[in-house]
């Protein structure tokens, strides 16, 4: 399920400094293109994931936005990700980002 994969990617990014698209694709048995779409979805949910190209490149959550992964369970993160799109319909995007 996509939401489970998104939450798992977030948990991996919180745990690792940086990870590549191919490595994530191998973990979840999907294509690298699917991982790129997932990263776009995570970014749209307000979690700033930065990508770096080249040797040693990959994805990482911007350091100033990292949270202690023990604060939220997988179920908590899943609920947050599912709820964000409905909030963005009710609140202007910049207000939502500032509130978070």
PDB file of N, CA and C in Angstrom:
ATOM      1  N   UNK A   1       0.849  -1.180   0.000  1.00  0.00           N
ATOM      2  CA  UNK A   1       0.000   0.000   0.000  1.00  0.00           C
ATOM      3  C   UNK A   1       0.893   1.242   0.000  1.00  0.00           C
ATOM      4  N   UNK A   2       0.483   2.241  -0.752  1.00  0.00           N
ATOM      5  CA  UNK A   2       1.313   3.427  -0.925  1.00  0.00           C
ATOM      6  C   UNK A   2       1.552   4.163   0.388  1.00  0.00           C
ATOM      7  N   UNK A   3       0.524   4.313   1.217  1.00  0.00           N
ATOM      8  CA  UNK A   3       0.695   5.056   2.472  1.00  0.00           C
ATOM      9  C   UNK A   3       1.710   4.360   3.365  1.00  0.00           C
ATOM     10  N   UNK A   4       1.643   3.034   3.424  1.00  0.00           N
ATOM     11  CA  UNK A   4       2.618   2.288   4.227  1.00  0.00           C
ATOM     12  C   UNK A   4       4.035   2.524   3.717  1.00  0.00           C
ATOM     13  N   UNK A   5       4.190   2.536   2.387  1.00  0.00           N
ATOM     14  CA  UNK A   5       5.514   2.763   1.808  1.00  0.00           C
ATOM     15  C   UNK A   5       5.995   4.172   2.106  1.00  0.00           C
ATOM     16  N   UNK A   6       5.096   5.161   2.013  1.00  0.00           N
ATOM     17  CA  UNK A   6       5.472   6.547   2.308  1.00  0.00           C
ATOM     18  C   UNK A   6       5.940   6.695   3.752  1.00  0.00           C
ATOM     19  N   UNK A   7       5.190   6.110   4.670  1.00  0.00           N
ATOM     20  CA  UNK A   7       5.568   6.187   6.085  1.00  0.00           C
ATOM     21  C   UNK A   7       6.897   5.480   6.303  1.00  0.00           C
ATOM     22  N   UNK A   8       7.072   4.336   5.668  1.00  0.00           N
ATOM     23  CA  UNK A   8       8.334   3.599   5.811  1.00  0.00           C
ATOM     24  C   UNK A   8       9.508   4.397   5.254  1.00  0.00           C
ATOM     25  N   UNK A   9       9.309   5.069   4.127  1.00  0.00           N
ATOM     26  CA  UNK A   9      10.375   5.901   3.558  1.00  0.00           C
ATOM     27  C   UNK A   9      10.734   7.018   4.529  1.00  0.00           C
ATOM     28  N   UNK A  10       9.725   7.651   5.117  1.00  0.00           N
ATOM     29  CA  UNK A  10       9.990   8.710   6.098  1.00  0.00           C
ATOM     30  C   UNK A  10      10.784   8.162   7.270  1.00  0.00           C
ATOM     31  N   UNK A  11      10.408   6.996   7.764  1.00  0.00           N
ATOM     32  CA  UNK A  11      11.122   6.398   8.897  1.00  0.00           C
ATOM     33  C   UNK A  11      12.578   6.093   8.521  1.00  0.00           C
ATOM     34  N   UNK A  12      12.795   5.593   7.314  1.00  0.00           N
ATOM     35  CA  UNK A  12      14.162   5.313   6.853  1.00  0.00           C
ATOM     36  C   UNK A  12      14.954   6.616   6.758  1.00  0.00           C
ATOM     37  N   UNK A  13      14.340   7.659   6.204  1.00  0.00           N
ATOM     38  CA  UNK A  13      15.036   8.942   6.070  1.00  0.00           C
ATOM     39  C   UNK A  13      15.349   9.557   7.430  1.00  0.00           C
ATOM     40  N   UNK A  14      14.500   9.323   8.412  1.00  0.00           N
ATOM     41  CA  UNK A  14      14.784   9.818   9.762  1.00  0.00           C
ATOM     42  C   UNK A  14      15.936   9.049  10.393  1.00  0.00           C
ATOM     43  N   UNK A  15      16.081   7.785   9.987  1.00  0.00           N
ATOM     44  CA  UNK A  15      17.088   6.914  10.589  1.00  0.00           C
ATOM     45  C   UNK A  15      18.452   7.030   9.916  1.00  0.00           C
ATOM     46  N   UNK A  16      18.466   7.314   8.610  1.00  0.00           N
ATOM     47  CA  UNK A  16      19.723   7.352   7.856  1.00  0.00           C
ATOM     48  C   UNK A  16      20.067   8.776   7.461  1.00  0.00           C
ATOM     49  N   UNK A  17      21.334   9.017   7.257  1.00  0.00           N
ATOM     50  CA  UNK A  17      21.775  10.325   6.759  1.00  0.00           C
ATOM     51  C   UNK A  17      21.268  10.556   5.340  1.00  0.00           C
ATOM     52  N   UNK A  18      21.474   9.576   4.470  1.00  0.00           N
ATOM     53  CA  UNK A  18      21.130   9.719   3.057  1.00  0.00           C
ATOM     54  C   UNK A  18      20.950   8.325   2.475  1.00  0.00           C
ATOM     55  N   UNK A  19      20.006   8.195   1.553  1.00  0.00           N
ATOM     56  CA  UNK A  19      19.781   6.911   0.892  1.00  0.00           C
ATOM     57  C   UNK A  19      19.371   7.173  -0.555  1.00  0.00           C
ATOM     58  N   UNK A  20      19.838   6.325  -1.451  1.00  0.00           N
ATOM     59  CA  UNK A  20      19.574   6.506  -2.875  1.00  0.00           C
ATOM     60  C   UNK A  20      18.245   5.923  -3.322  1.00  0.00           C
ATOM     61  N   UNK A  21      17.786   6.387  -4.476  1.00  0.00           N
ATOM     62  CA  UNK A  21      16.513   5.928  -5.036  1.00  0.00           C
ATOM     63  C   UNK A  21      16.548   4.435  -5.341  1.00  0.00           C
ATOM     64  N   UNK A  22      17.664   3.965  -5.883  1.00  0.00           N
ATOM     65  CA  UNK A  22      17.748   2.548  -6.229  1.00  0.00           C
ATOM     66  C   UNK A  22      17.702   1.678  -4.977  1.00  0.00           C
ATOM     67  N   UNK A  23      18.369   2.108  -3.914  1.00  0.00           N
ATOM     68  CA  UNK A  23      18.346   1.343  -2.667  1.00  0.00           C
ATOM     69  C   UNK A  23      16.928   1.285  -2.098  1.00  0.00           C
ATOM     70  N   UNK A  24      16.222   2.417  -2.117  1.00  0.00           N
ATOM     71  CA  UNK A  24      14.830   2.415  -1.653  1.00  0.00           C
ATOM     72  C   UNK A  24      13.964   1.542  -2.561  1.00  0.00           C
ATOM     73  N   UNK A  25      14.193   1.616  -3.870  1.00  0.00           N
ATOM     74  CA  UNK A  25      13.433   0.797  -4.813  1.00  0.00           C
ATOM     75  C   UNK A  25      13.644  -0.688  -4.537  1.00  0.00           C
ATOM     76  N   UNK A  26      14.876  -1.064  -4.228  1.00  0.00           N
ATOM     77  CA  UNK A  26      15.171  -2.462  -3.908  1.00  0.00           C
ATOM     78  C   UNK A  26      14.469  -2.898  -2.624  1.00  0.00           C
ATOM     79  N   UNK A  27      14.467  -2.039  -1.619  1.00  0.00           N
ATOM     80  CA  UNK A  27      13.825  -2.362  -0.337  1.00  0.00           C
ATOM     81  C   UNK A  27      12.331  -2.609  -0.534  1.00  0.00           C
ATOM     82  N   UNK A  28      11.676  -1.756  -1.315  1.00  0.00           N
ATOM     83  CA  UNK A  28      10.219  -1.822  -1.459  1.00  0.00           C
ATOM     84  C   UNK A  28       9.762  -2.567  -2.713  1.00  0.00           C
ATOM     85  N   UNK A  29      10.722  -3.072  -3.491  1.00  0.00           N
ATOM     86  CA  UNK A  29      10.433  -3.841  -4.697  1.00  0.00           C
ATOM     87  C   UNK A  29       9.543  -3.057  -5.668  1.00  0.00           C
ATOM     88  N   UNK A  30       9.943  -1.816  -5.900  1.00  0.00           N
ATOM     89  CA  UNK A  30       9.278  -0.943  -6.869  1.00  0.00           C
ATOM     90  C   UNK A  30      10.359  -0.326  -7.749  1.00  0.00           C
ATOM     91  N   UNK A  31       9.952   0.441  -8.728  1.00  0.00           N
ATOM     92  CA  UNK A  31      10.934   1.085  -9.607  1.00  0.00           C
ATOM     93  C   UNK A  31      11.467   2.366  -8.959  1.00  0.00           C
ATOM     94  N   UNK A  32      12.665   2.788  -9.369  1.00  0.00           N
ATOM     95  CA  UNK A  32      13.173   4.078  -8.880  1.00  0.00           C
ATOM     96  C   UNK A  32      12.215   5.227  -9.206  1.00  0.00           C
ATOM     97  N   UNK A  33      11.528   5.144 -10.348  1.00  0.00           N
ATOM     98  CA  UNK A  33      10.562   6.191 -10.716  1.00  0.00           C
ATOM     99  C   UNK A  33       9.441   6.284  -9.680  1.00  0.00           C
ATOM    100  N   UNK A  34       8.996   5.143  -9.154  1.00  0.00           N
ATOM    101  CA  UNK A  34       7.979   5.136  -8.096  1.00  0.00           C
ATOM    102  C   UNK A  34       8.512   5.825  -6.850  1.00  0.00           C
ATOM    103  N   UNK A  35       9.778   5.597  -6.535  1.00  0.00           N
ATOM    104  CA  UNK A  35      10.390   6.249  -5.370  1.00  0.00           C
ATOM    105  C   UNK A  35      10.420   7.761  -5.577  1.00  0.00           C
ATOM    106  N   UNK A  36      10.761   8.214  -6.780  1.00  0.00           N
ATOM    107  CA  UNK A  36      10.766   9.657  -7.058  1.00  0.00           C
ATOM    108  C   UNK A  36       9.363  10.254  -6.869  1.00  0.00           C
ATOM    109  N   UNK A  37       8.336   9.527  -7.320  1.00  0.00           N
ATOM    110  CA  UNK A  37       6.962  10.007  -7.115  1.00  0.00           C
ATOM    111  C   UNK A  37       6.620  10.031  -5.629  1.00  0.00           C
ATOM    112  N   UNK A  38       7.070   9.008  -4.892  1.00  0.00           N
ATOM    113  CA  UNK A  38       6.826   8.971  -3.445  1.00  0.00           C
ATOM    114  C   UNK A  38       7.503  10.150  -2.747  1.00  0.00           C
ATOM    115  N   UNK A  39       8.720  10.453  -3.143  1.00  0.00           N
ATOM    116  CA  UNK A  39       9.439  11.586  -2.540  1.00  0.00           C
ATOM    117  C   UNK A  39       8.695  12.887  -2.838  1.00  0.00           C
ATOM    118  N   UNK A  40       8.160  13.026  -4.055  1.00  0.00           N
ATOM    119  CA  UNK A  40       7.357  14.211  -4.385  1.00  0.00           C
ATOM    120  C   UNK A  40       6.132  14.303  -3.478  1.00  0.00           C
ATOM    121  N   UNK A  41       5.485  13.175  -3.227  1.00  0.00           N
ATOM    122  CA  UNK A  41       4.312  13.147  -2.347  1.00  0.00           C
ATOM    123  C   UNK A  41       4.691  13.547  -0.931  1.00  0.00           C
ATOM    124  N   UNK A  42       5.813  13.043  -0.446  1.00  0.00           N
ATOM    125  CA  UNK A  42       6.286  13.386   0.899  1.00  0.00           C
ATOM    126  C   UNK A  42       6.577  14.882   0.981  1.00  0.00           C
ATOM    127  N   UNK A  43       7.200  15.429  -0.054  1.00  0.00           N
ATOM    128  CA  UNK A  43       7.457  16.877  -0.096  1.00  0.00           C
ATOM    129  C   UNK A  43       6.151  17.670  -0.081  1.00  0.00           C
ATOM    130  N   UNK A  44       5.157  17.221  -0.839  1.00  0.00           N
ATOM    131  CA  UNK A  44       3.873  17.920  -0.887  1.00  0.00           C
ATOM    132  C   UNK A  44       3.154  17.853   0.461  1.00  0.00           C
ATOM    133  N   UNK A  45       3.469  16.822   1.252  1.00  0.00           N
ATOM    134  CA  UNK A  45       2.877  16.699   2.588  1.00  0.00           C
ATOM    135  C   UNK A  45       3.563  17.620   3.587  1.00  0.00           C
ATOM    136  N   UNK A  46       4.612  18.319   3.142  1.00  0.00           N
ATOM    137  CA  UNK A  46       5.268  19.295   4.010  1.00  0.00           C
ATOM    138  C   UNK A  46       6.540  18.818   4.670  1.00  0.00           C
ATOM    139  N   UNK A  47       7.001  17.635   4.312  1.00  0.00           N
ATOM    140  CA  UNK A  47       8.258  17.129   4.867  1.00  0.00           C
ATOM    141  C   UNK A  47       9.338  17.386   3.824  1.00  0.00           C
ATOM    142  N   UNK A  48      10.269  18.280   4.117  1.00  0.00           N
ATOM    143  CA  UNK A  48      11.247  18.695   3.108  1.00  0.00           C
ATOM    144  C   UNK A  48      12.354  17.661   2.903  1.00  0.00           C
ATOM    145  N   UNK A  49      12.246  16.929   1.803  1.00  0.00           N
ATOM    146  CA  UNK A  49      13.264  15.945   1.445  1.00  0.00           C
ATOM    147  C   UNK A  49      14.125  16.560   0.358  1.00  0.00           C
ATOM    148  N   UNK A  50      15.420  16.565   0.598  1.00  0.00           N
ATOM    149  CA  UNK A  50      16.376  17.132  -0.359  1.00  0.00           C
ATOM    150  C   UNK A  50      17.033  15.984  -1.114  1.00  0.00           C
ATOM    151  N   UNK A  51      17.253  16.182  -2.401  1.00  0.00           N
ATOM    152  CA  UNK A  51      17.961  15.173  -3.184  1.00  0.00           C
ATOM    153  C   UNK A  51      19.303  15.729  -3.626  1.00  0.00           C
ATOM    154  N   UNK A  52      20.291  14.846  -3.616  1.00  0.00           N
ATOM    155  CA  UNK A  52      21.642  15.190  -4.037  1.00  0.00           C
ATOM    156  C   UNK A  52      22.044  14.194  -5.115  1.00  0.00           C
ATOM    157  N   UNK A  53      22.550  14.683  -6.235  1.00  0.00           N
ATOM    158  CA  UNK A  53      22.951  13.782  -7.311  1.00  0.00           C
ATOM    159  C   UNK A  53      24.436  13.462  -7.220  1.00  0.00           C
ATOM    160  N   UNK A  54      24.833  12.463  -7.985  1.00  0.00           N
ATOM    161  CA  UNK A  54      26.240  12.096  -8.048  1.00  0.00           C
ATOM    162  C   UNK A  54      26.605  11.000  -7.067  1.00  0.00           C
ATOM    163  N   UNK A  55      27.903  10.702  -7.026  1.00  0.00           N
ATOM    164  CA  UNK A  55      28.409   9.665  -6.131  1.00  0.00           C
ATOM    165  C   UNK A  55      28.129  10.071  -4.691  1.00  0.00           C
ATOM    166  N   UNK A  56      27.561   9.166  -3.931  1.00  0.00           N
ATOM    167  CA  UNK A  56      27.227   9.468  -2.542  1.00  0.00           C
ATOM    168  C   UNK A  56      25.951  10.270  -2.397  1.00  0.00           C
ATOM    169  N   UNK A  57      25.252  10.487  -3.506  1.00  0.00           N
ATOM    170  CA  UNK A  57      24.017  11.259  -3.468  1.00  0.00           C
ATOM    171  C   UNK A  57      22.841  10.417  -3.011  1.00  0.00           C
ATOM    172  N   UNK A  58      21.700  11.035  -2.963  1.00  0.00           N
ATOM    173  CA  UNK A  58      20.485  10.352  -2.557  1.00  0.00           C
ATOM    174  C   UNK A  58      19.514  11.328  -1.934  1.00  0.00           C
ATOM    175  N   UNK A  59      18.619  10.798  -1.128  1.00  0.00           N
ATOM    176  CA  UNK A  59      17.601  11.607  -0.473  1.00  0.00           C
ATOM    177  C   UNK A  59      17.904  11.735   1.001  1.00  0.00           C
ATOM    178  N   UNK A  60      17.545  12.897   1.558  1.00  0.00           N
ATOM    179  CA  UNK A  60      17.677  13.115   2.994  1.00  0.00           C
ATOM    180  C   UNK A  60      16.656  14.151   3.426  1.00  0.00           C
ATOM    181  N   UNK A  61      16.191  14.022   4.666  1.00  0.00           N
ATOM    182  CA  UNK A  61      15.318  15.044   5.226  1.00  0.00           C
ATOM    183  C   UNK A  61      16.217  16.173   5.687  1.00  0.00           C
ATOM    184  N   UNK A  62      15.850  17.394   5.339  1.00  0.00           N
ATOM    185  CA  UNK A  62      16.667  18.545   5.720  1.00  0.00           C
ATOM    186  C   UNK A  62      16.840  18.561   7.234  1.00  0.00           C
ATOM    187  N   UNK A  63      18.062  18.763   7.669  1.00  0.00           N
ATOM    188  CA  UNK A  63      18.434  18.614   9.075  1.00  0.00           C
ATOM    189  C   UNK A  63      17.574  19.453  10.017  1.00  0.00           C
ATOM    190  N   UNK A  64      17.261  20.686   9.652  1.00  0.00           N
ATOM    191  CA  UNK A  64      16.509  21.541  10.571  1.00  0.00           C
ATOM    192  C   UNK A  64      15.063  21.081  10.741  1.00  0.00           C
ATOM    193  N   UNK A  65      14.599  20.172   9.880  1.00  0.00           N
ATOM    194  CA  UNK A  65      13.235  19.668   9.976  1.00  0.00           C
ATOM    195  C   UNK A  65      13.155  18.280  10.584  1.00  0.00           C
ATOM    196  N   UNK A  66      14.292  17.687  10.914  1.00  0.00           N
ATOM    197  CA  UNK A  66      14.260  16.339  11.466  1.00  0.00           C
ATOM    198  C   UNK A  66      13.592  16.342  12.828  1.00  0.00           C
ATOM    199  N   UNK A  67      12.821  15.295  13.062  1.00  0.00           N
ATOM    200  CA  UNK A  67      12.179  15.113  14.352  1.00  0.00           C
ATOM    201  C   UNK A  67      12.681  13.816  14.950  1.00  0.00           C
ATOM    202  N   UNK A  68      12.555  13.698  16.236  1.00  0.00           N
ATOM    203  CA  UNK A  68      12.896  12.442  16.884  1.00  0.00           C
ATOM    204  C   UNK A  68      11.879  11.407  16.435  1.00  0.00           C
ATOM    205  N   UNK A  69      12.327  10.348  15.793  1.00  0.00           N
ATOM    206  CA  UNK A  69      11.382   9.387  15.240  1.00  0.00           C
ATOM    207  C   UNK A  69      10.588   8.665  16.308  1.00  0.00           C
ATOM    208  N   UNK A  70      10.999   8.764  17.560  1.00  0.00           N
ATOM    209  CA  UNK A  70      10.255   8.128  18.637  1.00  0.00           C
ATOM    210  C   UNK A  70       9.021   8.939  19.022  1.00  0.00           C
ATOM    211  N   UNK A  71       8.928  10.170  18.551  1.00  0.00           N
ATOM    212  CA  UNK A  71       7.787  11.024  18.871  1.00  0.00           C
ATOM    213  C   UNK A  71       6.515  10.465  18.233  1.00  0.00           C
ATOM    214  N   UNK A  72       6.609   9.973  17.005  1.00  0.00           N
ATOM    215  CA  UNK A  72       5.448   9.457  16.288  1.00  0.00           C
ATOM    216  C   UNK A  72       5.630   7.979  15.980  1.00  0.00           C
ATOM    217  N   UNK A  73       4.569   7.214  16.174  1.00  0.00           N
ATOM    218  CA  UNK A  73       4.582   5.817  15.756  1.00  0.00           C
ATOM    219  C   UNK A  73       4.300   5.776  14.254  1.00  0.00           C
ATOM    220  N   UNK A  74       4.450   4.607  13.664  1.00  0.00           N
ATOM    221  CA  UNK A  74       4.137   4.455  12.244  1.00  0.00           C
ATOM    222  C   UNK A  74       2.676   4.798  11.989  1.00  0.00           C
ATOM    223  N   UNK A  75       1.795   4.374  12.894  1.00  0.00           N
ATOM    224  CA  UNK A  75       0.365   4.681  12.748  1.00  0.00           C
ATOM    225  C   UNK A  75       0.117   6.190  12.832  1.00  0.00           C
ATOM    226  N   UNK A  76       0.835   6.875  13.733  1.00  0.00           N
ATOM    227  CA  UNK A  76       0.693   8.333  13.853  1.00  0.00           C
ATOM    228  C   UNK A  76       1.099   9.025  12.559  1.00  0.00           C
ATOM    229  N   UNK A  77       2.261   8.644  12.027  1.00  0.00           N
ATOM    230  CA  UNK A  77       2.736   9.259  10.783  1.00  0.00           C
ATOM    231  C   UNK A  77       1.786   8.972   9.629  1.00  0.00           C
ATOM    232  N   UNK A  78       1.244   7.764   9.591  1.00  0.00           N
ATOM    233  CA  UNK A  78       0.292   7.407   8.550  1.00  0.00           C
ATOM    234  C   UNK A  78      -0.947   8.292   8.627  1.00  0.00           C
ATOM    235  N   UNK A  79      -1.463   8.498   9.831  1.00  0.00           N
ATOM    236  CA  UNK A  79      -2.643   9.348  10.019  1.00  0.00           C
ATOM    237  C   UNK A  79      -2.349  10.791   9.623  1.00  0.00           C
ATOM    238  N   UNK A  80      -1.169  11.278   9.966  1.00  0.00           N
ATOM    239  CA  UNK A  80      -0.782  12.645   9.610  1.00  0.00           C
ATOM    240  C   UNK A  80      -0.726  12.802   8.096  1.00  0.00           C
ATOM    241  N   UNK A  81      -0.074  11.851   7.419  1.00  0.00           N
ATOM    242  CA  UNK A  81       0.047  11.936   5.963  1.00  0.00           C
ATOM    243  C   UNK A  81      -1.311  11.869   5.278  1.00  0.00           C
ATOM    244  N   UNK A  82      -2.211  11.032   5.802  1.00  0.00           N
ATOM    245  CA  UNK A  82      -3.533  10.919   5.183  1.00  0.00           C
ATOM    246  C   UNK A  82      -4.372  12.171   5.437  1.00  0.00           C
ATOM    247  N   UNK A  83      -4.146  12.847   6.552  1.00  0.00           N
ATOM    248  CA  UNK A  83      -4.946  14.014   6.893  1.00  0.00           C
ATOM    249  C   UNK A  83      -4.490  15.312   6.267  1.00  0.00           C
ATOM    250  N   UNK A  84      -3.226  15.398   5.882  1.00  0.00           N
ATOM    251  CA  UNK A  84      -2.697  16.657   5.347  1.00  0.00           C
ATOM    252  C   UNK A  84      -3.415  17.160   4.093  1.00  0.00           C
ATOM    253  N   UNK A  85      -3.726  16.299   3.126  1.00  0.00           N
ATOM    254  CA  UNK A  85      -4.417  16.822   1.936  1.00  0.00           C
ATOM    255  C   UNK A  85      -5.764  17.466   2.260  1.00  0.00           C
ATOM    256  N   UNK A  86      -6.515  16.902   3.187  1.00  0.00           N
ATOM    257  CA  UNK A  86      -7.811  17.495   3.513  1.00  0.00           C
ATOM    258  C   UNK A  86      -7.636  18.832   4.232  1.00  0.00           C
ATOM    259  N   UNK A  87      -6.582  18.957   5.029  1.00  0.00           N
ATOM    260  CA  UNK A  87      -6.325  20.232   5.694  1.00  0.00           C
ATOM    261  C   UNK A  87      -5.957  21.317   4.692  1.00  0.00           C
ATOM    262  N   UNK A  88      -5.216  20.940   3.665  1.00  0.00           N
ATOM    263  CA  UNK A  88      -4.785  21.946   2.695  1.00  0.00           C
ATOM    264  C   UNK A  88      -5.969  22.512   1.917  1.00  0.00           C
ATOM    265  N   UNK A  89      -7.072  21.769   1.855  1.00  0.00           N
ATOM    266  CA  UNK A  89      -8.272  22.291   1.199  1.00  0.00           C
ATOM    267  C   UNK A  89      -8.979  23.321   2.076  1.00  0.00           C
ATOM    268  N   UNK A  90      -8.786  23.234   3.382  1.00  0.00           N
ATOM    269  CA  UNK A  90      -9.467  24.122   4.321  1.00  0.00           C
ATOM    270  C   UNK A  90      -8.617  25.330   4.705  1.00  0.00           C
ATOM    271  N   UNK A  91      -7.298  25.172   4.662  1.00  0.00           N
ATOM    272  CA  UNK A  91      -6.378  26.215   5.104  1.00  0.00           C
ATOM    273  C   UNK A  91      -5.440  26.535   3.950  1.00  0.00           C
ATOM    274  N   UNK A  92      -5.090  27.804   3.799  1.00  0.00           N
ATOM    275  CA  UNK A  92      -4.109  28.163   2.771  1.00  0.00           C
ATOM    276  C   UNK A  92      -2.814  27.409   3.028  1.00  0.00           C
ATOM    277  N   UNK A  93      -2.137  27.011   1.964  1.00  0.00           N
ATOM    278  CA  UNK A  93      -0.930  26.202   2.064  1.00  0.00           C
ATOM    279  C   UNK A  93       0.135  26.773   2.979  1.00  0.00           C
ATOM    280  N   UNK A  94       0.411  28.090   2.881  1.00  0.00           N
ATOM    281  CA  UNK A  94       1.460  28.673   3.704  1.00  0.00           C
ATOM    282  C   UNK A  94       1.053  28.712   5.174  1.00  0.00           C
ATOM    283  N   UNK A  95      -0.246  28.862   5.452  1.00  0.00           N
ATOM    284  CA  UNK A  95      -0.706  28.830   6.841  1.00  0.00           C
ATOM    285  C   UNK A  95      -0.525  27.437   7.425  1.00  0.00           C
ATOM    286  N   UNK A  96      -0.796  26.407   6.610  1.00  0.00           N
ATOM    287  CA  UNK A  96      -0.635  25.031   7.063  1.00  0.00           C
ATOM    288  C   UNK A  96       0.822  24.734   7.371  1.00  0.00           C
ATOM    289  N   UNK A  97       1.713  25.131   6.485  1.00  0.00           N
ATOM    290  CA  UNK A  97       3.142  24.893   6.697  1.00  0.00           C
ATOM    291  C   UNK A  97       3.613  25.601   7.963  1.00  0.00           C
ATOM    292  N   UNK A  98       3.190  26.838   8.169  1.00  0.00           N
ATOM    293  CA  UNK A  98       3.584  27.578   9.370  1.00  0.00           C
ATOM    294  C   UNK A  98       3.028  26.936  10.629  1.00  0.00           C
ATOM    295  N   UNK A  99       1.824  26.380  10.555  1.00  0.00           N
ATOM    296  CA  UNK A  99       1.223  25.740  11.721  1.00  0.00           C
ATOM    297  C   UNK A  99       1.973  24.481  12.101  1.00  0.00           C
ATOM    298  N   UNK A 100       2.492  23.777  11.086  1.00  0.00           N
ATOM    299  CA  UNK A 100       3.218  22.540  11.364  1.00  0.00           C
ATOM    300  C   UNK A 100       4.608  22.863  11.843  1.00  0.00           C
TER     301      UNK A 100
END
